[in-house]
Amino acid sequence: MREARRDQPIARRAPFVWRMAAAAAMVVCLVGVVQFALVQYQRHQRVETLRAEQEQLEADLAAVKQMAAESEPMVVLENDRGTRVIMDLDTAIQPASLRTFD
């Protein structure tokens, strides 16, 4: 029996250095995959935040447009000294002869 074992080639184990190199390569790959996943997650969160902000701005813009459509038309008169008079459109187009200044 012992002679049969001696005749067979001895199975060599990989040296310790190679085993440690393989373990280090696995750790590097694992760290790389985790870093990639973390960057993708942060990018996804940033895109979602920007999308929510864009929707909020669009809603605000629609509300302002609605208010502008419902408001009464105004006329702004300004002289060279910067004095402004703001009137509604009906008052602005009314002839001065029809006004009564009481």
Protein backbone atom coordinates (compact mmCIF):
# COMPACT_ATOMS: atom_id res chain seq x y z
CA MET A 1 0.00 0.00 0.00
CA ARG A 2 2.73 2.39 0.91
CA GLU A 3 4.58 1.54 -2.22
CA ALA A 4 1.48 2.32 -4.30
CA ARG A 5 1.26 5.71 -2.72
CA ARG A 6 4.88 6.42 -3.40
CA ASP A 7 4.46 5.62 -7.07
CA GLN A 8 1.64 8.15 -7.51
CA PRO A 9 2.65 11.79 -8.02
CA ILE A 10 2.19 13.90 -4.93
CA ALA A 11 -0.63 16.42 -5.30
CA ARG A 12 0.97 19.77 -4.68
CA ARG A 13 -0.97 22.38 -2.83
CA ALA A 14 -0.85 25.94 -4.03
CA PRO A 15 1.69 27.96 -2.08
CA PHE A 16 0.40 30.27 0.64
CA VAL A 17 1.34 33.37 -1.36
CA TRP A 18 -0.89 32.38 -4.28
CA ARG A 19 -3.79 31.65 -1.99
CA MET A 20 -3.43 35.06 -0.35
CA ALA A 21 -3.17 36.75 -3.77
CA ALA A 22 -6.41 35.09 -4.85
CA ALA A 23 -8.12 36.19 -1.64
CA ALA A 24 -6.86 39.76 -2.10
CA ALA A 25 -8.13 39.76 -5.71
CA MET A 26 -11.55 38.62 -4.51
CA VAL A 27 -11.62 41.38 -1.88
CA VAL A 28 -10.68 43.99 -4.50
CA CYS A 29 -13.42 42.73 -6.83
CA LEU A 30 -15.94 42.76 -4.00
CA VAL A 31 -14.99 46.30 -2.99
CA GLY A 32 -15.26 47.40 -6.64
CA VAL A 33 -18.73 45.92 -7.02
CA VAL A 34 -19.92 47.50 -3.76
CA GLN A 35 -18.48 50.89 -4.77
CA PHE A 36 -20.17 50.68 -8.19
CA ALA A 37 -23.51 49.78 -6.57
CA LEU A 38 -23.15 52.66 -4.09
CA VAL A 39 -22.44 55.17 -6.86
CA GLN A 40 -25.44 53.94 -8.84
CA TYR A 41 -27.68 54.19 -5.76
CA GLN A 42 -26.54 57.76 -5.04
CA ARG A 43 -27.08 58.73 -8.69
CA HIS A 44 -30.57 57.22 -8.60
CA GLN A 45 -31.39 59.17 -5.43
CA ARG A 46 -30.12 62.42 -6.98
CA VAL A 47 -32.18 61.86 -10.14
CA GLU A 48 -35.30 61.17 -8.05
CA THR A 49 -34.71 64.34 -6.02
CA LEU A 50 -34.28 66.41 -9.18
CA ARG A 51 -37.38 64.85 -10.73
CA ALA A 52 -39.47 65.69 -7.63
CA GLU A 53 -38.12 69.25 -7.66
CA GLN A 54 -38.94 69.59 -11.36
CA GLU A 55 -42.51 68.39 -10.77
CA GLN A 56 -42.88 70.89 -7.91
CA LEU A 57 -41.62 73.73 -10.11
CA GLU A 58 -43.99 72.72 -12.92
CA ALA A 59 -46.90 72.67 -10.47
CA ASP A 60 -45.93 76.13 -9.17
CA LEU A 61 -45.65 77.44 -12.72
CA ALA A 62 -49.08 76.05 -13.60
CA ALA A 63 -50.54 77.73 -10.49
CA VAL A 64 -48.96 81.08 -11.44
CA LYS A 65 -50.24 80.76 -15.00
CA GLN A 66 -53.72 80.01 -13.67
CA MET A 67 -53.60 83.07 -11.41
CA ALA A 68 -52.38 85.22 -14.30
CA ALA A 69 -55.18 83.98 -16.55
CA GLU A 70 -57.79 84.74 -13.89
CA SER A 71 -56.49 88.16 -12.91
CA GLU A 72 -57.87 91.37 -14.26
CA PRO A 73 -55.80 93.05 -16.99
CA MET A 74 -53.77 96.02 -15.74
CA VAL A 75 -52.12 99.00 -17.39
CA VAL A 76 -48.95 100.54 -15.95
CA LEU A 77 -48.18 104.14 -16.86
CA GLU A 78 -44.76 105.53 -16.02
CA ASN A 79 -43.28 108.97 -16.55
CA ASP A 80 -39.65 109.94 -17.05
CA ARG A 81 -39.10 110.41 -13.29
CA GLY A 82 -40.09 106.82 -12.59
CA THR A 83 -43.51 107.52 -11.11
CA ARG A 84 -45.87 104.67 -11.87
CA VAL A 85 -49.65 104.55 -12.02
CA ILE A 86 -51.29 101.15 -12.14
CA MET A 87 -54.90 100.97 -13.40
CA ASP A 88 -57.26 98.27 -14.44
CA LEU A 89 -57.91 98.06 -18.17
CA ASP A 90 -61.48 99.44 -17.97
CA THR A 91 -60.34 102.63 -16.23
CA ALA A 92 -57.42 103.08 -18.62
CA ILE A 93 -59.51 103.05 -21.80
CA GLN A 94 -62.35 105.17 -20.50
CA PRO A 95 -62.31 108.65 -22.05
CA ALA A 96 -61.45 111.45 -19.67
CA SER A 97 -64.62 113.36 -20.63
CA LEU A 98 -66.82 110.60 -19.17
CA ARG A 99 -65.17 110.71 -15.77
CA THR A 100 -66.54 112.66 -12.90
CA PHE A 101 -64.08 114.04 -10.43
CA ASP A 102 -66.08 114.63 -7.28
